[in-house]
Amino acid sequence: MSISATESTVARFPNAKSVDAKKWKAAQDFEAMFIHQMLKSMRNTVPKDDEMSSGRRIFTEMLDEQIANTASRTGHFGLAQIVYKELAGKEAGEANAKGMTKASGEQIESWVNEASNTLGLDKNLIKAVIRQESGGNSLAVSSKGAKGLMQLMDSTAKDMGVINSYNGRQNVMGGAKYLKQMLMRFNGDESKALAAYNAGPGTVEQYGGIPPYEETKNYIKNVLQYKEQFSQEEAL
């Protein structure tokens, strides 16, 4: 029984009305091409039959192409769905940032104070994380996809109730909320909480403390130095 593109889309995306047809078609075509090349490479590992007729070769090529197209439409590999999500996610991120301007120092200070008062978190620690993560750039985006002032990954932003990571107020509140959770998880130990913010709480628990990553060690060192610097400036 053949499965139409529409049926395939509904099966993999329950909220099918929100799916961009052009992006989905492009993702499926990419998956079909990938599978086709994979089949071709697999066949090349088999010793060639010099007596194979040209007709059989053409049939084999057409069969591989049909298998690839069918697999991409039925979702047996799932590559198309991954590609689609990447395409849609990138565009959504660009749309969220479009037309927005970088937050000013005064705005960031206001959001930090609000998050500090709401969550009972040291404002200088929040400011230090912002300095280390984005340098105060509310439109910053890393090569890994972390966004905004406190460089939230999309999954973390969603868990913290952040709708738009380029919205400075939402980002600071979401990042501070996550930082607070890490502090509670590691009994108020700032170093472990910062390690968890950088490398993930599971990694910290796996190593029973600060993981042996130079990036994470330097991250903790820098954030705590920034925190001390901000505290001294406040005392003046």
Protein backbone atom coordinates (compact mmCIF):
# COMPACT_ATOMS: atom_id res chain seq x y z
CA MET A 1 0.00 0.00 0.00
CA SER A 2 1.47 3.36 -0.96
CA ILE A 3 1.59 6.23 1.51
CA SER A 4 1.05 9.75 0.26
CA ALA A 5 3.26 12.65 1.28
CA THR A 6 0.34 14.13 3.21
CA GLU A 7 -0.28 10.93 5.16
CA SER A 8 3.44 10.66 5.92
CA THR A 9 3.54 14.24 7.16
CA VAL A 10 0.53 13.75 9.43
CA ALA A 11 2.06 10.57 10.85
CA ARG A 12 5.29 12.30 11.84
CA PHE A 13 3.89 15.74 12.67
CA PRO A 14 0.58 15.55 14.60
CA ASN A 15 0.12 19.31 14.19
CA ALA A 16 0.44 18.96 10.41
CA LYS A 17 -1.19 22.29 9.62
CA SER A 18 1.90 24.05 10.96
CA VAL A 19 4.29 22.15 8.69
CA ASP A 20 5.93 24.14 5.89
CA ALA A 21 5.30 22.05 2.77
CA LYS A 22 8.32 23.40 0.87
CA LYS A 23 10.71 22.70 3.73
CA TRP A 24 9.23 19.26 4.27
CA LYS A 25 9.59 18.42 0.55
CA ALA A 26 13.21 19.64 0.60
CA ALA A 27 13.92 17.51 3.68
CA GLN A 28 12.41 14.43 2.04
CA ASP A 29 14.39 15.01 -1.15
CA PHE A 30 17.58 15.29 0.89
CA GLU A 31 16.82 12.03 2.68
CA ALA A 32 16.04 10.27 -0.62
CA MET A 33 19.33 11.46 -2.10
CA PHE A 34 21.21 10.34 1.01
CA ILE A 35 19.64 6.87 0.96
CA HIS A 36 20.24 6.54 -2.77
CA GLN A 37 23.94 7.32 -2.36
CA MET A 38 24.14 4.94 0.58
CA LEU A 39 22.66 2.09 -1.48
CA LYS A 40 24.99 2.91 -4.34
CA SER A 41 28.01 2.82 -2.02
CA MET A 42 26.87 -0.50 -0.57
CA ARG A 43 26.53 -2.03 -4.03
CA ASN A 44 30.03 -0.81 -4.92
CA THR A 45 31.44 -2.98 -2.15
CA VAL A 46 30.17 -6.07 -3.99
CA PRO A 47 32.49 -7.44 -6.74
CA LYS A 48 31.26 -6.21 -10.10
CA ASP A 49 29.69 -8.67 -12.51
CA ASP A 50 31.21 -7.93 -15.92
CA GLU A 51 28.49 -10.00 -17.55
CA MET A 52 25.64 -7.94 -16.10
CA SER A 53 23.63 -6.45 -18.93
CA SER A 54 23.18 -2.70 -19.30
CA GLY A 55 19.45 -3.23 -18.88
CA ARG A 56 19.98 -4.89 -15.51
CA ARG A 57 22.27 -2.08 -14.40
CA ILE A 58 19.63 0.49 -15.33
CA PHE A 59 16.97 -1.53 -13.50
CA THR A 60 19.16 -1.76 -10.40
CA GLU A 61 19.76 1.99 -10.45
CA MET A 62 16.03 2.68 -10.83
CA LEU A 63 15.25 0.22 -8.04
CA ASP A 64 17.66 1.96 -5.67
CA GLU A 65 16.12 5.30 -6.52
CA GLN A 66 12.60 3.96 -5.89
CA ILE A 67 13.64 2.45 -2.57
CA ALA A 68 15.20 5.75 -1.52
CA ASN A 69 12.12 7.76 -2.48
CA THR A 70 9.76 5.34 -0.72
CA ALA A 71 11.88 5.30 2.43
CA SER A 72 11.98 9.10 2.58
CA ARG A 73 8.17 9.32 2.17
CA THR A 74 7.33 6.64 4.72
CA GLY A 75 9.81 7.83 7.33
CA HIS A 76 11.63 4.54 7.85
CA PHE A 77 14.95 6.38 8.30
CA GLY A 78 13.66 9.55 9.99
CA LEU A 79 16.37 11.71 8.43
CA ALA A 80 13.85 13.96 6.69
CA GLN A 81 12.22 14.82 10.00
CA ILE A 82 15.58 15.76 11.51
CA VAL A 83 16.49 17.93 8.51
CA TYR A 84 13.07 19.59 8.57
CA LYS A 85 13.35 20.48 12.24
CA GLU A 86 16.78 22.00 11.62
CA LEU A 87 15.47 24.09 8.73
CA ALA A 88 12.36 25.22 10.62
CA GLY A 89 14.29 25.87 13.83
CA LYS A 90 16.89 28.02 12.11
CA GLU A 91 14.22 30.10 10.39
CA ALA A 92 12.27 30.48 13.62
CA GLY A 93 15.39 31.70 15.39
CA GLU A 94 16.08 34.22 12.63
CA ALA A 95 12.48 35.39 12.75
CA ASN A 96 12.62 35.86 16.52
CA ALA A 97 15.75 38.00 16.23
CA LYS A 98 14.58 39.94 13.17
CA GLY A 99 13.83 43.58 13.86
CA MET A 100 15.10 43.40 17.45
CA THR A 101 17.89 45.61 18.75
CA LYS A 102 20.58 44.80 21.28
CA ALA A 103 19.60 45.48 24.85
CA SER A 104 21.23 48.42 26.59
CA GLY A 105 23.24 48.16 29.78
CA GLU A 106 20.42 49.86 31.68
CA GLN A 107 17.88 47.33 30.39
CA ILE A 108 20.07 44.38 31.33
CA GLU A 109 20.64 45.82 34.80
CA SER A 110 16.87 46.15 35.25
CA TRP A 111 16.21 42.56 34.16
CA VAL A 112 18.99 41.25 36.39
CA ASN A 113 17.56 43.07 39.40
CA GLU A 114 14.10 41.71 38.64
CA ALA A 115 15.38 38.13 38.34
CA SER A 116 17.48 38.52 41.49
CA ASN A 117 14.56 39.81 43.55
CA THR A 118 12.11 37.25 42.15
CA LEU A 119 14.33 34.21 42.59
CA GLY A 120 16.42 35.26 45.59
CA LEU A 121 19.59 34.92 43.55
CA ASP A 122 22.77 36.99 43.85
CA LYS A 123 22.50 39.60 41.10
CA ASN A 124 26.27 39.73 40.69
CA LEU A 125 26.29 36.02 39.91
CA ILE A 126 23.65 36.54 37.23
CA LYS A 127 25.61 39.45 35.77
CA ALA A 128 28.78 37.37 35.81
CA VAL A 129 27.13 34.55 33.87
CA ILE A 130 25.82 37.05 31.32
CA ARG A 131 29.29 38.56 30.92
CA GLN A 132 30.85 35.15 30.39
CA GLU A 133 28.11 33.73 28.17
CA SER A 134 27.35 36.58 25.77
CA GLY A 135 29.35 39.63 26.79
CA GLY A 136 26.00 41.39 27.26
CA ASN A 137 24.80 40.81 23.69
CA SER A 138 21.09 39.97 23.80
CA LEU A 139 21.17 38.81 20.15
CA ALA A 140 24.17 36.50 20.55
CA VAL A 141 23.96 32.99 19.15
CA SER A 142 26.64 30.32 19.48
CA SER A 143 27.75 27.71 16.97
CA LYS A 144 25.83 25.15 19.04
CA GLY A 145 22.61 27.17 18.90
CA ALA A 146 22.64 28.75 22.37
CA LYS A 147 20.88 32.12 22.26
CA GLY A 148 20.66 35.45 24.01
CA LEU A 149 22.21 37.03 27.07
CA MET A 150 22.49 33.82 29.08
CA GLN A 151 22.97 31.58 26.02
CA LEU A 152 19.99 29.30 26.45
CA MET A 153 19.66 26.17 24.35
CA ASP A 154 16.18 25.79 22.89
CA SER A 155 15.33 22.80 25.09
CA THR A 156 16.38 24.65 28.26
CA ALA A 157 14.53 27.79 27.20
CA LYS A 158 11.37 25.76 26.66
CA ASP A 159 11.68 24.09 30.08
CA MET A 160 12.12 27.52 31.71
CA GLY A 161 9.05 28.94 29.95
CA VAL A 162 11.04 31.19 27.60
CA ILE A 163 9.12 31.81 24.37
CA ASN A 164 11.71 33.99 22.62
CA SER A 165 15.33 33.67 23.71
CA TYR A 166 16.18 36.96 21.99
CA ASN A 167 13.79 38.75 24.31
CA GLY A 168 16.26 39.99 26.93
CA ARG A 169 13.88 39.97 29.87
CA GLN A 170 12.66 36.44 29.12
CA ASN A 171 16.20 35.20 28.58
CA VAL A 172 17.57 36.61 31.83
CA MET A 173 14.62 35.31 33.82
CA GLY A 174 14.87 31.88 32.19
CA GLY A 175 18.64 31.65 32.59
CA ALA A 176 18.49 32.80 36.21
CA LYS A 177 15.74 30.29 36.93
CA TYR A 178 17.87 27.49 35.49
CA LEU A 179 20.91 28.68 37.45
CA LYS A 180 18.81 28.69 40.62
CA GLN A 181 17.74 25.12 39.92
CA MET A 182 21.36 24.08 39.52
CA LEU A 183 22.28 25.73 42.82
CA MET A 184 19.46 23.88 44.58
CA ARG A 185 20.45 20.62 42.90
CA PHE A 186 24.04 20.93 44.11
CA ASN A 187 23.28 22.22 47.61
CA GLY A 188 24.28 25.82 46.97
CA ASP A 189 27.75 24.96 45.63
CA GLU A 190 28.36 27.73 43.10
CA SER A 191 31.22 25.97 41.35
CA LYS A 192 29.19 22.81 40.77
CA ALA A 193 26.14 24.84 39.73
CA LEU A 194 28.21 26.76 37.19
CA ALA A 195 29.76 23.52 35.95
CA ALA A 196 26.25 22.18 35.46
CA TYR A 197 25.22 25.35 33.63
CA ASN A 198 28.16 24.90 31.28
CA ALA A 199 28.45 21.13 30.86
CA GLY A 200 25.11 19.84 32.08
CA PRO A 201 24.03 18.57 35.52
CA GLY A 202 24.33 14.94 34.42
CA THR A 203 28.01 15.44 33.64
CA VAL A 204 28.67 16.93 37.07
CA GLU A 205 26.90 14.02 38.75
CA GLN A 206 28.74 11.54 36.55
CA TYR A 207 32.12 12.85 37.73
CA GLY A 208 30.96 13.47 41.28
CA GLY A 209 31.99 17.12 41.00
CA ILE A 210 33.67 19.44 38.52
CA PRO A 211 34.22 17.51 35.27
CA PRO A 212 37.83 17.40 33.98
CA TYR A 213 37.14 19.72 31.06
CA GLU A 214 39.41 22.73 30.58
CA GLU A 215 36.50 24.69 29.08
CA THR A 216 34.35 24.07 32.15
CA LYS A 217 37.18 24.81 34.59
CA ASN A 218 37.95 28.09 32.84
CA TYR A 219 34.23 28.89 32.69
CA ILE A 220 33.87 28.56 36.46
CA LYS A 221 37.04 30.55 37.10
CA ASN A 222 35.97 33.40 34.82
CA VAL A 223 32.41 33.63 36.15
CA LEU A 224 33.54 33.72 39.78
CA GLN A 225 36.14 36.38 38.94
CA TYR A 226 33.47 38.50 37.22
CA LYS A 227 31.19 38.04 40.23
CA GLU A 228 33.93 39.26 42.57
CA GLN A 229 34.64 42.20 40.28
CA PHE A 230 30.98 43.24 40.22
CA SER A 231 30.74 42.87 43.99
CA GLN A 232 33.75 45.15 44.50
CA GLU A 233 32.37 47.75 42.12
CA GLU A 234 29.06 47.70 43.99
CA ALA A 235 30.87 48.26 47.29
CA LEU A 236 32.58 51.42 46.05
